[in-house]
Amino acid sequence: MIFRSIPSVASQLNHPIIKNIVENHAVSSDYITILIKKYLEEVRSEIVSGQLTSISEDQLLNDLVDFIRKRLKPNMVPVINATGVVLHTNLGRSVLPNAVNQHLTKIAGRYSNLEYNLETGKRGSRHDIVEQLITTLTGAEAALVVNNNASAVFLILKAIASEKEVIVSRGEIVEIGGSFRISDIMKESGAVLNEVGTTNRTYTHDYERAINENTAMLLKVHKSNFVMNGYTHSVLTEDLVMLGQKHHIPVYEDLGSGVLYDLKKHKIGNEPFIKEIVDKKVDLISFSGDKLLGGPQAGIIIGRRDLINTLKKNPLIRALRPDKLTLAALESTLLLYLDEKKLVEELPTLRDILLTPQEIKKKAEELCDLLLDDYKPYAKIIPDYSEIGGGSMPDVKLPSFVVAVNSDRFDVQWLERELRKHDPPIIARIHKNALLLDARTIQADEIVIVAQGLNEIFGTRMI
């Protein structure tokens, strides 16, 4: 009998509320028809599975309207990161600087000289757009950009070591996130993995003993997303380079995060500075654009000109090349690195990492001051620690201040859900029965939005 309560597609399509959605969103009735059919199919499935035992006509219409409206909006929306994780992978990692966003808008809305040489009037190469800038900043001979660092690893192994051996320390066969492992990438590239040493200790002689006539490369993978302490030993980059030169085998170091601004001078972590690795004469180096560099997702490869040229000629480059928006964003980001003072002020990733606890506390105080008087008792400012995130410097804890919100009048899980449903969504974290809003990653112009969101949510709960 319950199946008879399901309305027809035509009746729903002709309902005044649905007609109003069609008119207001300037969407075709054909598309709305498809959505209605999908929704009613879901209703039937829920009846069959026993999840739905009765149907209210009004509730069904309300649910249908929500179903349609959700599918008329973009799935990707801006969110406010109140987690304290600066490079939050789930939240898009690096926040791009205003100068980059402005340049992106210009490039996206117009034709561009992506592969056109304005001086000669002939076809150009997209690889030329950022190569000189990258080599200037790193000191490398040549450079190439692909769509992410995993692509960079795959391209290098495929172009230089396919069906040959690549020697790597067993302690550096890492998983880089999303269940992607270096060993899997190597397998797909056709390179043969030759593990040496043990999980915790590898020496130069381990590499040398493994070298044979089929060895194409010595690989070093920077352990950027985990830390191994205790009884450990790893081969220094300069020692591996000497070994490679002795046997005429190229050395490739996957740096992962990639640092063009030396954070060690601020006593933050011990991430290798790219220029230092280049100075050690490593043949090829790759790193990410959207981690500590603070730019868009990209895989940046630098090194010997002959090896970079080999990569450029590989047919895979067509599949792995970046689009015009990635190149525009990367170039604009790199231009900031030409002026260190401007860089620290304008690059959100560096700016957020380098914030002092006092500056963060001031932001937290501004947030609390904007709460309505009735709700101020629910919030208190307490010291805490932020993380850099994005698989970078996992052992680094940045002193911070958070606004801790809790009360016996509401459940913190409820508050966390309501903040996620806010427009824009506010992403926080729960710890020890308190909702924590880390002021480090809340941008200056977002403080008032977070306060307004809390006031609105508290208001609906306390009525």
Protein backbone atom coordinates (compact mmCIF):
# COMPACT_ATOMS: atom_id res chain seq x y z
CA MET A 1 0.00 0.00 0.00
CA ILE A 2 2.85 2.40 0.81
CA PHE A 3 4.06 2.29 -2.80
CA ARG A 4 0.74 3.81 -3.88
CA SER A 5 1.55 6.88 -1.78
CA ILE A 6 4.55 7.72 -3.96
CA PRO A 7 3.55 10.64 -6.20
CA SER A 8 4.11 10.64 -9.94
CA VAL A 9 7.02 12.47 -11.53
CA ALA A 10 4.61 14.75 -13.43
CA SER A 11 2.72 15.78 -10.28
CA GLN A 12 5.95 16.78 -8.56
CA LEU A 13 7.28 18.58 -11.63
CA ASN A 14 4.09 20.66 -11.84
CA HIS A 15 4.02 21.53 -8.16
CA PRO A 16 4.23 25.34 -7.67
CA ILE A 17 7.29 25.05 -5.40
CA ILE A 18 9.19 22.95 -7.96
CA LYS A 19 8.12 25.29 -10.78
CA ASN A 20 9.47 28.19 -8.74
CA ILE A 21 12.85 26.46 -8.40
CA VAL A 22 13.00 25.97 -12.17
CA GLU A 23 12.30 29.65 -12.80
CA ASN A 24 14.59 31.06 -10.10
CA HIS A 25 17.57 28.88 -10.96
CA ALA A 26 17.14 29.15 -14.74
CA VAL A 27 17.47 25.38 -15.01
CA SER A 28 15.73 23.18 -17.57
CA SER A 29 12.69 21.16 -16.58
CA ASP A 30 14.38 18.15 -18.22
CA TYR A 31 17.15 18.25 -15.61
CA ILE A 32 14.64 18.69 -12.77
CA THR A 33 12.72 15.69 -14.13
CA ILE A 34 15.89 13.59 -13.91
CA LEU A 35 16.41 14.70 -10.30
CA ILE A 36 12.80 13.90 -9.36
CA LYS A 37 13.14 10.42 -10.86
CA LYS A 38 16.36 9.83 -8.92
CA TYR A 39 14.78 10.98 -5.69
CA LEU A 40 11.69 8.80 -6.11
CA GLU A 41 13.94 5.83 -6.91
CA GLU A 42 15.71 6.41 -3.60
CA VAL A 43 12.33 6.52 -1.81
CA ARG A 44 11.35 3.18 -3.38
CA SER A 45 14.68 1.64 -2.35
CA GLU A 46 14.18 2.79 1.25
CA ILE A 47 10.71 1.21 1.28
CA VAL A 48 12.07 -2.08 -0.06
CA SER A 49 14.90 -2.11 2.52
CA GLY A 50 12.47 -1.35 5.35
CA GLN A 51 14.06 2.03 6.18
CA LEU A 52 10.86 3.83 5.23
CA THR A 53 7.55 2.51 6.57
CA SER A 54 5.28 5.51 6.00
CA ILE A 55 5.12 8.53 3.73
CA SER A 56 3.98 12.04 4.54
CA GLU A 57 3.14 14.04 1.42
CA ASP A 58 4.44 17.27 2.95
CA GLN A 59 7.63 15.65 4.23
CA LEU A 60 8.27 13.97 0.90
CA LEU A 61 7.93 17.32 -0.90
CA ASN A 62 10.25 19.05 1.59
CA ASP A 63 12.85 16.31 1.18
CA LEU A 64 12.54 16.51 -2.61
CA VAL A 65 13.08 20.28 -2.54
CA ASP A 66 16.22 19.80 -0.40
CA PHE A 67 17.39 17.04 -2.75
CA ILE A 68 17.04 19.32 -5.78
CA ARG A 69 18.51 22.43 -4.21
CA LYS A 70 21.63 20.57 -3.06
CA ARG A 71 22.21 19.45 -6.65
CA LEU A 72 21.85 22.95 -8.03
CA LYS A 73 24.76 24.22 -5.93
CA PRO A 74 28.50 23.60 -6.34
CA ASN A 75 29.80 20.73 -4.23
CA MET A 76 33.05 22.56 -3.53
CA VAL A 77 32.55 25.59 -1.31
CA PRO A 78 34.83 27.81 0.80
CA VAL A 79 35.09 26.74 4.45
CA ILE A 80 36.60 28.32 7.54
CA ASN A 81 39.47 26.29 8.95
CA ALA A 82 39.34 26.51 12.74
CA THR A 83 41.25 23.25 13.28
CA GLY A 84 44.70 24.79 13.71
CA VAL A 85 46.12 22.55 10.98
CA VAL A 86 47.71 25.01 8.56
CA LEU A 87 48.06 22.66 5.57
CA HIS A 88 44.88 20.65 6.08
CA THR A 89 44.76 18.17 3.19
CA ASN A 90 41.01 17.63 3.52
CA LEU A 91 40.45 21.40 3.39
CA GLY A 92 42.57 22.04 0.29
CA ARG A 93 45.99 22.63 1.89
CA SER A 94 47.50 26.02 0.97
CA VAL A 95 45.39 29.17 0.98
CA LEU A 96 46.54 31.23 -2.00
CA PRO A 97 47.61 34.88 -1.57
CA ASN A 98 45.38 37.72 -2.79
CA ALA A 99 47.86 38.63 -5.53
CA VAL A 100 47.63 35.07 -6.85
CA ASN A 101 43.83 35.07 -6.77
CA GLN A 102 43.71 38.34 -8.70
CA HIS A 103 46.07 37.00 -11.35
CA LEU A 104 44.06 33.77 -11.60
CA THR A 105 40.89 35.74 -12.27
CA LYS A 106 42.59 37.60 -15.12
CA ILE A 107 43.98 34.44 -16.70
CA ALA A 108 40.79 32.41 -16.26
CA GLY A 109 38.58 35.05 -17.84
CA ARG A 110 40.71 35.74 -20.91
CA TYR A 111 42.81 34.04 -23.54
CA SER A 112 46.47 33.75 -22.53
CA ASN A 113 49.92 33.08 -23.98
CA LEU A 114 50.02 29.59 -22.45
CA GLU A 115 51.82 28.10 -25.45
CA TYR A 116 52.44 31.17 -27.56
CA ASN A 117 55.71 33.09 -27.74
CA LEU A 118 54.88 36.80 -27.80
CA GLU A 119 58.39 37.73 -29.01
CA THR A 120 58.57 35.40 -32.01
CA GLY A 121 54.87 35.13 -32.79
CA LYS A 122 55.26 31.35 -32.92
CA ARG A 123 54.21 28.41 -30.80
CA GLY A 124 55.83 28.39 -27.38
CA SER A 125 56.07 25.89 -24.52
CA ARG A 126 54.09 26.00 -21.30
CA HIS A 127 57.20 24.66 -19.55
CA ASP A 128 58.93 28.01 -20.17
CA ILE A 129 56.40 29.97 -18.10
CA VAL A 130 57.93 29.16 -14.71
CA GLU A 131 61.19 27.35 -15.46
CA GLN A 132 63.48 30.40 -15.27
CA LEU A 133 61.82 31.62 -12.08
CA ILE A 134 62.22 28.21 -10.42
CA THR A 135 65.88 27.90 -11.41
CA THR A 136 66.55 31.45 -10.15
CA LEU A 137 65.03 30.65 -6.74
CA THR A 138 66.62 27.21 -6.35
CA GLY A 139 69.93 27.49 -8.18
CA ALA A 140 69.12 24.40 -10.27
CA GLU A 141 70.12 24.04 -13.93
CA ALA A 142 66.62 23.28 -15.20
CA ALA A 143 63.07 22.72 -14.00
CA LEU A 144 59.80 21.09 -14.98
CA VAL A 145 56.30 21.25 -13.48
CA VAL A 146 53.72 18.44 -13.48
CA ASN A 147 50.35 18.19 -11.76
CA ASN A 148 51.54 16.86 -8.36
CA ASN A 149 54.56 15.32 -6.65
CA ALA A 150 53.28 11.77 -7.06
CA SER A 151 53.22 12.45 -10.80
CA ALA A 152 56.77 13.78 -10.56
CA VAL A 153 57.95 10.56 -8.89
CA PHE A 154 56.14 8.43 -11.47
CA LEU A 155 57.49 10.39 -14.45
CA ILE A 156 61.09 10.32 -13.22
CA LEU A 157 61.03 6.58 -12.56
CA LYS A 158 59.24 5.81 -15.83
CA ALA A 159 61.48 7.99 -18.01
CA ILE A 160 64.82 7.09 -16.46
CA ALA A 161 64.48 3.74 -14.72
CA SER A 162 61.75 1.71 -16.44
CA GLU A 163 62.65 -2.01 -16.41
CA LYS A 164 65.81 -1.17 -14.48
CA GLU A 165 66.67 -1.17 -10.78
CA VAL A 166 66.23 1.73 -8.39
CA ILE A 167 68.03 1.35 -5.08
CA VAL A 168 66.23 2.80 -2.06
CA SER A 169 66.53 2.42 1.70
CA ARG A 170 63.95 0.11 3.23
CA GLY A 171 63.28 2.78 5.86
CA GLU A 172 62.25 5.28 3.16
CA ILE A 173 59.56 3.24 1.41
CA VAL A 174 56.84 5.53 2.68
CA GLU A 175 53.09 5.82 2.25
CA ILE A 176 52.31 9.36 1.11
CA GLY A 177 48.62 9.54 2.00
CA GLY A 178 45.45 8.15 0.49
CA SER A 179 47.09 4.68 0.69
CA PHE A 180 49.56 5.58 -2.09
CA ARG A 181 52.93 3.99 -1.44
CA ILE A 182 56.29 4.71 -3.04
CA SER A 183 56.67 1.00 -3.77
CA ASP A 184 53.33 0.95 -5.65
CA ILE A 185 54.28 4.00 -7.72
CA MET A 186 57.61 2.37 -8.58
CA LYS A 187 55.86 -0.83 -9.63
CA GLU A 188 53.45 1.06 -11.93
CA SER A 189 56.37 2.95 -13.47
CA GLY A 190 58.07 -0.27 -14.50
CA ALA A 191 61.08 0.39 -12.29
CA VAL A 192 62.38 -2.51 -10.20
CA LEU A 193 62.58 -1.77 -6.50
CA ASN A 194 65.83 -2.83 -4.83
CA GLU A 195 65.46 -2.35 -1.07
CA VAL A 196 68.62 -2.06 1.02
CA GLY A 197 69.35 -1.75 4.71
CA THR A 198 66.82 -2.30 7.44
CA THR A 199 63.76 -0.35 8.55
CA ASN A 200 65.76 1.69 11.05
CA ARG A 201 69.36 1.61 9.80
CA THR A 202 70.83 1.98 6.32
CA TYR A 203 74.45 2.74 5.41
CA THR A 204 76.28 3.87 2.27
CA HIS A 205 77.82 0.43 1.86
CA ASP A 206 74.29 -1.05 1.67
CA TYR A 207 73.68 0.99 -1.46
CA GLU A 208 77.10 0.21 -2.93
CA ARG A 209 76.77 -3.54 -2.47
CA ALA A 210 73.44 -3.48 -4.32
CA ILE A 211 74.77 -1.64 -7.40
CA ASN A 212 74.92 -3.78 -10.53
CA GLU A 213 74.84 -3.39 -14.32
CA ASN A 214 71.05 -2.94 -14.22
CA THR A 215 71.06 -0.10 -11.66
CA ALA A 216 69.53 3.06 -13.14
CA MET A 217 69.10 5.30 -10.10
CA LEU A 218 69.80 5.84 -6.41
CA LEU A 219 66.66 7.13 -4.70
CA LYS A 220 66.40 9.02 -1.42
CA VAL A 221 62.93 9.75 -0.03
CA HIS A 222 62.65 12.44 2.62
CA LYS A 223 60.60 11.19 5.57
CA SER A 224 58.44 14.30 5.72
CA ASN A 225 55.28 12.66 7.03
CA PHE A 226 56.70 10.58 9.88
CA VAL A 227 59.56 10.62 12.37
CA MET A 228 61.78 7.71 13.35
CA ASN A 229 63.76 8.11 16.57
CA GLY A 230 66.06 5.92 18.64
CA TYR A 231 68.51 3.41 17.20
CA THR A 232 68.50 4.76 13.64
CA HIS A 233 70.90 5.65 10.86
CA SER A 234 70.33 6.97 7.36
CA VAL A 235 72.65 7.90 4.53
CA LEU A 236 73.39 11.60 4.12
CA THR A 237 72.46 13.16 0.79
CA GLU A 238 76.05 14.23 0.09
CA ASP A 239 77.33 10.68 0.70
CA LEU A 240 74.76 9.24 -1.69
CA VAL A 241 75.76 11.84 -4.31
CA MET A 242 79.44 10.85 -3.97
CA LEU A 243 78.47 7.21 -4.44
CA GLY A 244 76.38 8.05 -7.50
CA GLN A 245 79.23 10.04 -9.05
CA LYS A 246 81.66 7.20 -8.37
CA HIS A 247 79.48 4.73 -10.30
CA HIS A 248 78.02 7.24 -12.79
CA ILE A 249 74.47 6.66 -11.51
CA PRO A 250 72.03 9.60 -11.09
CA VAL A 251 70.75 10.37 -7.60
CA TYR A 252 67.13 11.45 -7.17
CA GLU A 253 65.78 12.90 -3.91
CA ASP A 254 62.04 13.16 -3.34
CA LEU A 255 61.74 16.00 -0.84
CA GLY A 256 57.95 15.79 -0.53
CA SER A 257 56.99 19.08 1.09
CA GLY A 258 59.70 21.32 -0.34
CA VAL A 259 60.93 24.44 1.46
CA LEU A 260 61.94 27.61 -0.42
CA TYR A 261 61.83 29.74 2.74
CA ASP A 262 64.11 28.38 5.44
CA LEU A 263 61.94 27.83 8.53
CA LYS A 264 64.93 26.59 10.53
CA LYS A 265 65.96 30.19 11.15
CA HIS A 266 62.73 30.53 13.14
CA LYS A 267 63.58 27.29 14.98
CA ILE A 268 60.66 25.56 13.32
CA GLY A 269 61.40 21.97 12.34
CA ASN A 270 64.37 20.64 10.45
CA GLU A 271 62.94 20.43 6.95
CA PRO A 272 65.71 20.55 4.30
CA PHE A 273 66.04 23.87 2.47
CA ILE A 274 65.83 23.21 -1.28
CA LYS A 275 68.84 25.39 -2.11
CA GLU A 276 70.95 23.32 0.32
CA ILE A 277 70.00 20.10 -1.48
CA VAL A 278 70.76 21.65 -4.88
CA ASP A 279 74.18 22.73 -3.61
CA LYS A 280 74.92 19.09 -2.75
CA LYS A 281 74.78 18.30 -6.50
CA VAL A 282 71.76 15.98 -6.38
CA ASP A 283 70.90 15.10 -9.98
CA LEU A 284 67.11 15.34 -9.64
CA ILE A 285 64.87 16.73 -6.89
CA SER A 286 61.09 16.86 -6.68
CA PHE A 287 58.68 18.51 -4.24
CA SER A 288 55.08 19.69 -3.88
CA GLY A 289 53.69 23.11 -4.73
CA ASP A 290 50.77 23.13 -2.29
CA LYS A 291 52.54 22.26 0.95
CA LEU A 292 55.23 24.40 2.57
CA LEU A 293 55.73 26.29 -0.69
CA GLY A 294 52.24 27.74 -0.17
CA GLY A 295 51.06 27.56 -3.78
CA PRO A 296 48.73 25.44 -5.92
CA GLN A 297 48.86 21.66 -6.27
CA ALA A 298 51.85 20.90 -8.47
CA GLY A 299 54.87 18.64 -8.67
CA ILE A 300 58.08 20.60 -9.20
CA ILE A 301 61.14 18.81 -10.60
CA ILE A 302 64.56 20.45 -10.66
CA GLY A 303 68.02 19.22 -11.52
CA ARG A 304 70.45 18.45 -14.31
CA ARG A 305 69.45 19.94 -17.65
CA ASP A 306 70.01 16.71 -19.61
CA LEU A 307 67.78 14.73 -17.25
CA ILE A 308 65.06 17.41 -17.25
CA ASN A 309 65.15 17.41 -21.07
CA THR A 310 64.68 13.63 -21.02
CA LEU A 311 61.59 14.09 -18.86
CA LYS A 312 60.21 16.80 -21.16
CA LYS A 313 60.50 14.48 -24.15
CA ASN A 314 58.70 11.57 -22.50
CA PRO A 315 55.18 10.98 -23.93
CA LEU A 316 53.78 10.86 -20.39
CA ILE A 317 54.37 14.58 -19.97
CA ARG A 318 51.29 15.21 -22.10
CA ALA A 319 49.14 13.42 -19.51
CA LEU A 320 50.87 14.94 -16.47
CA ARG A 321 51.33 18.56 -17.56
CA PRO A 322 49.66 21.32 -15.52
CA ASP A 323 46.89 23.52 -16.91
CA LYS A 324 47.02 27.29 -17.34
CA LEU A 325 45.45 28.04 -13.95
CA THR A 326 48.00 25.92 -12.08
CA LEU A 327 50.87 27.60 -13.90
CA ALA A 328 49.39 31.07 -13.34
CA ALA A 329 48.95 30.40 -9.61
CA LEU A 330 52.41 28.86 -9.26
CA GLU A 331 54.13 31.70 -11.09
CA SER A 332 52.35 34.35 -8.98
CA THR A 333 53.26 32.48 -5.80
CA LEU A 334 56.91 32.14 -6.79
CA LEU A 335 57.15 35.84 -7.63
CA LEU A 336 56.47 36.60 -3.96
CA TYR A 337 59.65 34.68 -3.07
CA LEU A 338 61.73 37.38 -4.78
CA ASP A 339 60.97 39.70 -1.84
CA GLU A 340 61.28 37.90 1.51
CA LYS A 341 59.58 40.65 3.55
CA LYS A 342 56.61 40.73 1.19
CA LEU A 343 56.55 36.93 1.14
CA VAL A 344 56.13 36.57 4.91
CA GLU A 345 53.42 39.22 4.96
CA GLU A 346 51.38 37.99 1.99
CA LEU A 347 51.76 34.19 1.76
CA PRO A 348 49.04 32.76 4.04
CA THR A 349 50.87 29.48 4.66
CA LEU A 350 54.02 31.19 5.97
CA ARG A 351 52.07 33.93 7.70
CA ASP A 352 49.99 31.41 9.65
CA ILE A 353 52.98 29.23 10.55
CA LEU A 354 54.99 32.23 11.79
CA LEU A 355 52.22 33.82 13.89
CA THR A 356 53.32 34.35 17.49
CA PRO A 357 51.21 33.03 20.39
CA GLN A 358 50.48 36.65 21.36
CA GLU A 359 49.12 37.44 17.88
CA ILE A 360 46.97 34.32 17.96
CA LYS A 361 45.64 35.11 21.43
CA LYS A 362 44.62 38.56 20.22
CA LYS A 363 42.57 36.95 17.40
CA ALA A 364 40.92 34.61 19.92
CA GLU A 365 40.07 37.58 22.15
CA GLU A 366 38.49 39.40 19.20
CA LEU A 367 36.32 36.37 18.53
CA CYS A 368 35.16 36.10 22.15
CA ASP A 369 34.45 39.84 22.34
CA LEU A 370 32.02 39.47 19.42
CA LEU A 371 29.93 36.84 21.20
CA LEU A 372 26.67 38.05 22.70
CA ASP A 373 26.84 38.59 26.46
CA ASP A 374 24.54 35.63 27.16
CA TYR A 375 26.91 33.29 25.31
CA LYS A 376 30.27 34.61 26.52
CA PRO A 377 30.30 32.20 29.52
CA TYR A 378 30.34 29.25 27.10
CA ALA A 379 33.73 30.24 25.67
CA LYS A 380 37.16 30.55 27.22
CA ILE A 381 40.62 31.05 25.75
CA ILE A 382 43.17 28.38 26.57
CA PRO A 383 46.70 27.58 25.31
CA ASP A 384 47.05 24.71 22.87
CA TYR A 385 49.16 23.56 19.93
CA SER A 386 48.65 23.84 16.16
CA GLU A 387 50.06 21.56 13.50
CA ILE A 388 51.57 22.34 10.11
CA GLY A 389 49.85 19.36 8.45
CA GLY A 390 49.92 18.16 4.85
CA GLY A 391 52.41 15.46 5.76
CA SER A 392 54.95 18.12 6.76
CA MET A 393 56.94 18.26 9.99
CA PRO A 394 54.80 15.79 11.98
CA ASP A 395 56.98 16.31 15.07
CA VAL A 396 56.48 20.09 15.15
CA LYS A 397 53.91 21.53 17.52
CA LEU A 398 53.26 25.27 17.17
CA PRO A 399 52.21 27.04 20.41
CA SER A 400 48.76 28.51 19.89
CA PHE A 401 45.56 29.65 21.59
CA VAL A 402 42.10 28.20 21.06
CA VAL A 403 38.60 29.27 21.98
CA ALA A 404 37.22 26.29 23.92
CA VAL A 405 33.43 26.15 23.86
CA ASN A 406 31.31 23.92 26.10
CA SER A 407 28.32 24.00 28.44
CA ASP A 408 25.94 21.58 30.10
CA ARG A 409 23.18 23.28 28.08
CA PHE A 410 24.28 21.72 24.80
CA ASP A 411 26.20 18.77 23.38
CA VAL A 412 29.52 19.64 21.72
CA GLN A 413 28.89 17.07 18.97
CA TRP A 414 25.69 18.96 18.14
CA LEU A 415 27.59 22.25 18.03
CA GLU A 416 30.29 20.78 15.77
CA ARG A 417 27.60 19.53 13.35
CA GLU A 418 25.80 22.86 13.32
CA LEU A 419 29.01 24.72 12.57
CA ARG A 420 29.66 22.36 9.65
CA LYS A 421 26.16 23.13 8.33
CA HIS A 422 26.70 26.88 8.63
CA ASP A 423 27.15 29.05 5.52
CA PRO A 424 30.12 29.12 5.16
CA PRO A 425 30.90 25.86 6.97
CA ILE A 426 33.10 26.30 10.04
CA ILE A 427 35.37 23.30 10.65
CA ALA A 428 36.49 22.85 14.25
CA ARG A 429 37.65 19.92 16.40
CA ILE A 430 36.50 18.30 19.62
CA HIS A 431 38.83 17.50 22.51
CA LYS A 432 37.88 16.40 26.01
CA ASN A 433 34.22 17.40 25.68
CA ALA A 434 34.99 20.87 24.39
CA LEU A 435 34.77 22.28 20.88
CA LEU A 436 38.07 23.95 20.02
CA LEU A 437 38.43 26.83 17.56
CA ASP A 438 42.12 27.43 16.87
CA ALA A 439 42.59 31.12 16.06
CA ARG A 440 45.83 30.46 14.14
CA THR A 441 44.04 29.24 11.02
CA ILE A 442 40.99 31.50 11.25
CA GLN A 443 41.79 34.31 8.82
CA ALA A 444 41.39 37.90 10.04
CA ASP A 445 38.28 38.57 7.96
CA GLU A 446 36.69 35.31 9.16
CA ILE A 447 36.67 36.12 12.89
CA VAL A 448 33.40 38.06 12.70
CA ILE A 449 31.82 35.27 10.60
CA VAL A 450 32.72 32.62 13.20
CA ALA A 451 31.35 34.78 16.02
CA GLN A 452 28.13 35.44 14.12
CA GLY A 453 27.80 31.71 13.40
CA LEU A 454 28.15 30.85 17.08
CA ASN A 455 25.65 33.53 18.07
CA GLU A 456 23.10 32.27 15.55
CA ILE A 457 23.53 28.62 16.54
CA PHE A 458 23.36 29.35 20.26
CA GLY A 459 20.26 31.46 19.61
CA THR A 460 18.37 28.60 17.97
CA ARG A 461 19.32 26.25 20.82
CA MET A 462 18.51 28.54 23.71
CA ILE A 463 15.08 29.74 22.53
